[in-house]
Every structure is written in C-alpha cells, then in structure tokens.
Amino acid sequence: MILPLRGVSLHFFTSCPILRVSRLYPLLKWVNQESLRVDISGNKTAIRAFYLDIDIDVDRDNKLVYLIDFDYTCRLTYASFLAHALNACEITPEIVDLARKFDLSLVREYALEPTIAITIVRVIAIDDLVREFGSWLKPEMKEALQRLKAQVPNLNGDMESLLDWYKTHGRAWDEQVKDLIFESHRINDYYPRFSDHQKEILNQYYNANRLLLECINIANMSPEVRAEIIDTLLLPLAEIEQREM
C-alpha cells in the first residue's frame, strides 16, 4: 500500500481520529499558538511535540520530541525548566541566552534514551538556576531544588553509578520535579479535563505521528519532502490547508 506523503491527505491520515472529538481538536490550535510564542529560534514542530510530551504528558518517555530534534529539545527543556521554576509567564531573554550557551556534551554522553536526557538537563538546570537566579527564587523553592539536586550522583563521576541510580530512582525523581515545578502550569488546569475516551484518541493521534516520523527517518526520500512532512506534523488541519493554498 502506498500512503500519500505530502499535503493535506497525509496530515488527514494522522489527524482523522482527533477530528471526530470536538473538544480535542482545539488542543492542536492551542499547541500551535504556544509554539509561535516561544522566542527560541528553532524547529516549531519540536516545540509542538514538546508541549504534548512534557506539558500535557501524553508520552512519559518523550520519544516524539527527541526524534524530531534532540539538541533543540534539550535546550527547550532547559529553558522551560528555568521559566517554570521562576514562575515566569514566558521564556525571558535572560533564559534564552542561557539556553543558547547550554553545553550539550554531558547530555549526549549519558543520553541513551530520552527520559535520561531530560533528567540530566534538569539536574544541570538546577545548578544554573540557583547560581544565576538564586536571589529571584523563593527560599522554599531554592531549598527544594537543592534537595532534588542532592539526590543525584555527581554527573562528572562514574557513568555506571548514574545509570544505576536512574534505573532505580529516576522515575521517582522526575515525578518530584513535576510536582514541584510543572504541576501548577499544566494545560489541564485551564483546559477541560479529558475523558478516558478522549485520552485514548489523543494517544492514537500521538502514536500515529510518532510512527510516521520513525518511517520517514528511514525512508528514501528527498530532504525537501522530509522537511515538508515534519513541518506539518501536529498542526491543525486548517493550518495545513491554508499552507496548501
């Protein structure tokens, strides 16, 4: 079977389940609008995936966003962590500047899978946050961040020790971070609660896009066609149709 690889027909293939659930489709519009507000130059599709992976927590392993652009996602994860910890309404120029300077070498060394990458980025972000913005943090937030950092083995130490720690404690540590930093900022706080059926449809939509991305990453196609497909992932259908005009 030959699937269409360009334009609205391809997007409809990955969007059709979500189109049938009226309360979910506006989510794509919101994600797209938020991606346009982020003032870090880079892949807008990665930003849209970032909101689904991390802010809405569709995929706890965050596989889609790292398939799109690993380095950019690490910088976005770093910037988002700082903004949330500072209770900022947006990613400020100061945070953008730190994100651009963020050294990815240590993350690449340890990042055998996306979840480990996110944990490493957040550990480094805690150090930078306390150093650069310590006077801006509430005392209880600063203390909580330092307690989180103290739980993690030295990143410059033995790699096996860190990986062993992550296998045993990594998930629980990530949950502590989410409770402290991200819980009050989730989309669910102001977006209608999804039913189990709606969550299932959203997961189907997400997985269809992830499968599509995995396929085009190994497919024999021109860079131009590949870029066009990636550029339209996770967009509202109306936006795709407008681009086709």
Protein backbone atom coordinates (compact mmCIF):
# COMPACT_ATOMS: atom_id res chain seq x y z
CA MET A 1 0.00 0.00 0.00
CA ILE A 2 1.34 3.43 -0.92
CA LEU A 3 0.49 6.16 1.55
CA PRO A 4 0.29 9.78 0.37
CA LEU A 5 3.41 11.58 1.51
CA ARG A 6 2.54 15.20 1.02
CA GLY A 7 -0.10 17.79 1.77
CA VAL A 8 -3.49 17.56 3.44
CA SER A 9 -4.02 13.86 2.62
CA LEU A 10 -1.02 12.82 4.72
CA HIS A 11 -1.99 15.06 7.60
CA PHE A 12 -5.56 13.77 7.47
CA PHE A 13 -4.19 10.23 7.89
CA THR A 14 -2.67 11.18 11.25
CA SER A 15 -5.39 13.66 12.29
CA CYS A 16 -8.64 11.88 11.45
CA PRO A 17 -9.25 10.37 14.95
CA ILE A 18 -8.82 13.72 16.68
CA LEU A 19 -11.11 15.44 14.17
CA ARG A 20 -14.02 13.33 15.44
CA VAL A 21 -13.61 14.61 19.04
CA SER A 22 -14.60 18.26 19.10
CA ARG A 23 -13.02 19.04 22.49
CA LEU A 24 -9.62 17.68 21.43
CA TYR A 25 -9.13 19.45 18.12
CA PRO A 26 -8.79 22.92 19.76
CA LEU A 27 -5.83 21.43 21.62
CA LEU A 28 -3.86 21.39 18.36
CA LYS A 29 -4.69 25.05 17.82
CA TRP A 30 -3.50 25.89 21.33
CA VAL A 31 -0.27 23.90 20.92
CA ASN A 32 0.44 25.66 17.63
CA GLN A 33 -0.24 29.10 19.11
CA GLU A 34 2.07 28.38 22.05
CA SER A 35 4.83 27.21 19.71
CA LEU A 36 4.69 30.54 17.89
CA ARG A 37 5.11 32.41 21.19
CA VAL A 38 8.33 30.65 22.20
CA ASP A 39 11.20 33.04 21.48
CA ILE A 40 13.90 30.43 20.87
CA SER A 41 14.72 30.10 17.20
CA GLY A 42 14.43 26.53 16.04
CA ASN A 43 12.11 23.77 14.95
CA LYS A 44 8.47 24.74 15.58
CA THR A 45 7.39 21.11 15.18
CA ALA A 46 9.74 20.21 18.04
CA ILE A 47 8.08 22.88 20.18
CA ARG A 48 4.62 21.50 19.40
CA ALA A 49 5.80 17.99 20.30
CA PHE A 50 7.41 19.39 23.45
CA TYR A 51 4.06 20.69 24.69
CA LEU A 52 2.39 17.33 24.07
CA ASP A 53 5.26 15.29 25.55
CA ILE A 54 6.10 17.35 28.61
CA ASP A 55 3.40 19.93 29.37
CA ILE A 56 0.47 17.60 28.64
CA ASP A 57 2.43 14.42 29.38
CA VAL A 58 0.97 12.31 26.57
CA ASP A 59 4.15 10.21 26.38
CA ARG A 60 6.11 9.85 29.60
CA ASP A 61 9.14 8.67 27.62
CA ASN A 62 9.05 11.82 25.44
CA LYS A 63 10.01 9.88 22.33
CA LEU A 64 8.39 12.05 19.67
CA VAL A 65 10.05 15.34 20.54
CA TYR A 66 13.54 13.81 20.66
CA LEU A 67 13.01 12.05 17.33
CA ILE A 68 12.41 15.45 15.76
CA ASP A 69 15.40 17.40 17.07
CA PHE A 70 17.46 16.11 20.02
CA ASP A 71 19.73 19.13 20.58
CA TYR A 72 16.99 21.72 20.23
CA THR A 73 14.70 19.77 22.56
CA CYS A 74 17.42 19.67 25.22
CA ARG A 75 17.74 23.46 25.04
CA LEU A 76 13.97 23.87 25.13
CA THR A 77 13.70 21.52 28.13
CA TYR A 78 16.37 23.57 29.90
CA ALA A 79 14.66 26.90 29.15
CA SER A 80 11.22 25.61 30.12
CA PHE A 81 12.52 24.30 33.45
CA LEU A 82 14.05 27.67 34.33
CA ALA A 83 10.92 29.58 33.30
CA HIS A 84 8.62 27.33 35.34
CA ALA A 85 10.87 27.41 38.41
CA LEU A 86 10.94 31.22 38.28
CA ASN A 87 7.15 31.26 37.79
CA ALA A 88 7.68 33.29 34.62
CA CYS A 89 4.81 33.81 32.19
CA GLU A 90 7.16 33.15 29.30
CA ILE A 91 10.74 32.23 28.46
CA THR A 92 12.58 35.51 29.05
CA PRO A 93 15.58 36.85 27.06
CA GLU A 94 17.86 36.01 30.00
CA ILE A 95 16.69 32.40 29.93
CA VAL A 96 17.02 32.24 26.14
CA ASP A 97 20.61 33.45 26.43
CA LEU A 98 21.46 30.72 28.96
CA ALA A 99 19.75 28.08 26.80
CA ARG A 100 21.83 29.07 23.77
CA LYS A 101 25.03 28.72 25.85
CA PHE A 102 23.94 25.40 27.35
CA ASP A 103 26.69 22.79 26.83
CA LEU A 104 25.11 19.60 25.50
CA SER A 105 28.23 17.43 25.65
CA LEU A 106 27.39 15.84 29.02
CA VAL A 107 23.78 15.21 27.98
CA ARG A 108 24.90 13.47 24.78
CA GLU A 109 27.32 11.32 26.79
CA TYR A 110 24.60 9.95 29.08
CA ALA A 111 21.50 10.18 26.89
CA LEU A 112 20.89 6.56 25.96
CA GLU A 113 17.15 7.32 25.91
CA PRO A 114 15.03 10.50 26.02
CA THR A 115 13.95 10.18 29.65
CA ILE A 116 17.56 10.11 30.84
CA ALA A 117 18.33 13.14 28.67
CA ILE A 118 15.53 15.13 30.30
CA THR A 119 16.73 14.19 33.79
CA ILE A 120 20.33 15.21 33.02
CA VAL A 121 19.16 18.52 31.52
CA ARG A 122 17.09 19.28 34.62
CA VAL A 123 19.93 18.43 37.00
CA ILE A 124 22.21 20.86 35.15
CA ALA A 125 19.39 23.43 35.04
CA ILE A 126 19.06 23.32 38.84
CA ASP A 127 22.74 24.28 39.23
CA ASP A 128 22.43 27.13 36.72
CA LEU A 129 19.13 28.29 38.20
CA VAL A 130 20.48 28.57 41.74
CA ARG A 131 23.69 30.22 40.53
CA GLU A 132 22.19 32.72 38.07
CA PHE A 133 18.77 33.40 39.59
CA GLY A 134 19.17 32.39 43.24
CA SER A 135 18.12 35.82 44.52
CA TRP A 136 14.91 35.63 42.45
CA LEU A 137 13.81 32.28 43.87
CA LYS A 138 11.55 31.92 46.85
CA PRO A 139 13.55 30.41 49.76
CA GLU A 140 11.35 27.30 49.88
CA MET A 141 11.77 26.76 46.11
CA LYS A 142 15.55 27.16 46.37
CA GLU A 143 15.74 24.66 49.24
CA ALA A 144 13.52 22.15 47.41
CA LEU A 145 15.67 22.39 44.28
CA GLN A 146 18.85 21.84 46.28
CA ARG A 147 17.30 18.75 47.93
CA LEU A 148 16.45 17.38 44.48
CA LYS A 149 19.98 18.00 43.25
CA ALA A 150 21.46 16.28 46.33
CA GLN A 151 19.65 13.04 45.43
CA VAL A 152 21.51 12.69 42.12
CA PRO A 153 25.05 11.25 41.84
CA ASN A 154 27.78 13.54 40.53
CA LEU A 155 27.30 13.93 36.77
CA ASN A 156 31.06 14.11 36.32
CA GLY A 157 31.60 10.88 38.22
CA ASP A 158 31.20 7.26 37.19
CA MET A 159 28.68 6.81 34.37
CA GLU A 160 27.57 3.39 35.60
CA SER A 161 26.70 4.82 39.02
CA LEU A 162 24.46 7.44 37.46
CA LEU A 163 22.77 4.96 35.14
CA ASP A 164 22.18 2.55 38.05
CA TRP A 165 20.71 5.42 40.08
CA TYR A 166 18.43 6.35 37.21
CA LYS A 167 17.12 2.80 36.77
CA THR A 168 16.19 2.66 40.46
CA HIS A 169 15.27 6.23 41.31
CA GLY A 170 14.99 8.19 38.06
CA ARG A 171 11.23 7.93 37.59
CA ALA A 172 10.52 8.92 41.19
CA TRP A 173 12.93 11.87 40.89
CA ASP A 174 11.22 13.02 37.70
CA GLU A 175 7.85 12.87 39.47
CA GLN A 176 9.20 15.04 42.29
CA VAL A 177 10.34 17.59 39.71
CA LYS A 178 6.93 17.59 38.04
CA ASP A 179 5.16 18.05 41.38
CA LEU A 180 7.44 20.93 42.35
CA ILE A 181 7.93 22.75 39.05
CA PHE A 182 5.33 21.79 36.48
CA GLU A 183 2.11 20.72 38.16
CA SER A 184 0.68 24.23 38.56
CA HIS A 185 1.40 25.03 34.90
CA ARG A 186 -0.23 22.07 33.22
CA ILE A 187 -2.73 22.63 30.45
CA ASN A 188 -5.25 20.54 32.38
CA ASP A 189 -5.54 23.33 34.94
CA TYR A 190 -7.35 25.53 32.44
CA TYR A 191 -8.26 23.12 29.64
CA PRO A 192 -11.31 20.85 30.16
CA ARG A 193 -10.44 17.52 31.75
CA PHE A 194 -10.23 14.76 29.19
CA SER A 195 -12.36 11.65 29.50
CA ASP A 196 -10.69 8.25 29.17
CA HIS A 197 -12.01 8.05 25.61
CA GLN A 198 -10.56 11.45 24.73
CA LYS A 199 -7.19 10.49 26.22
CA GLU A 200 -7.21 7.32 24.14
CA ILE A 201 -7.93 9.30 20.96
CA LEU A 202 -5.15 11.75 21.81
CA ASN A 203 -2.76 8.83 22.35
CA GLN A 204 -3.76 7.34 18.99
CA TYR A 205 -3.09 10.65 17.29
CA TYR A 206 0.27 10.99 19.04
CA ASN A 207 1.34 7.44 18.18
CA ALA A 208 0.33 7.86 14.53
CA ASN A 209 2.56 10.92 14.27
CA ARG A 210 5.42 9.12 16.03
CA LEU A 211 5.11 6.13 13.69
CA LEU A 212 5.06 8.45 10.69
CA LEU A 213 8.21 10.20 11.91
CA GLU A 214 10.00 6.89 12.53
CA CYS A 215 9.11 5.81 8.97
CA ILE A 216 10.30 8.97 7.24
CA ASN A 217 13.54 8.91 9.24
CA ILE A 218 14.46 5.65 7.50
CA ALA A 219 12.64 6.23 4.19
CA ASN A 220 14.38 7.00 0.93
CA MET A 221 13.06 10.49 0.19
CA SER A 222 14.47 13.87 -0.66
CA PRO A 223 15.40 16.25 2.18
CA GLU A 224 12.83 18.72 0.83
CA VAL A 225 9.94 16.25 1.09
CA ARG A 226 11.07 15.08 4.51
CA ALA A 227 11.28 18.68 5.77
CA GLU A 228 7.81 19.43 4.38
CA ILE A 229 6.27 16.47 6.19
CA ILE A 230 7.96 17.26 9.51
CA ASP A 231 6.98 20.91 9.22
CA THR A 232 3.28 19.96 9.18
CA LEU A 233 3.27 17.40 12.00
CA LEU A 234 0.95 18.23 14.92
CA LEU A 235 -0.59 21.21 13.10
CA PRO A 236 -4.35 21.85 12.97
CA LEU A 237 -5.79 20.73 9.65
CA ALA A 238 -6.99 24.27 8.89
CA GLU A 239 -3.39 25.49 9.12
CA ILE A 240 -2.24 22.77 6.71
CA GLU A 241 -4.98 23.66 4.25
CA GLN A 242 -4.02 27.32 4.42
CA ARG A 243 -0.41 26.48 3.60
CA GLU A 244 -1.55 24.44 0.61
CA MET A 245 -3.40 27.40 -0.92
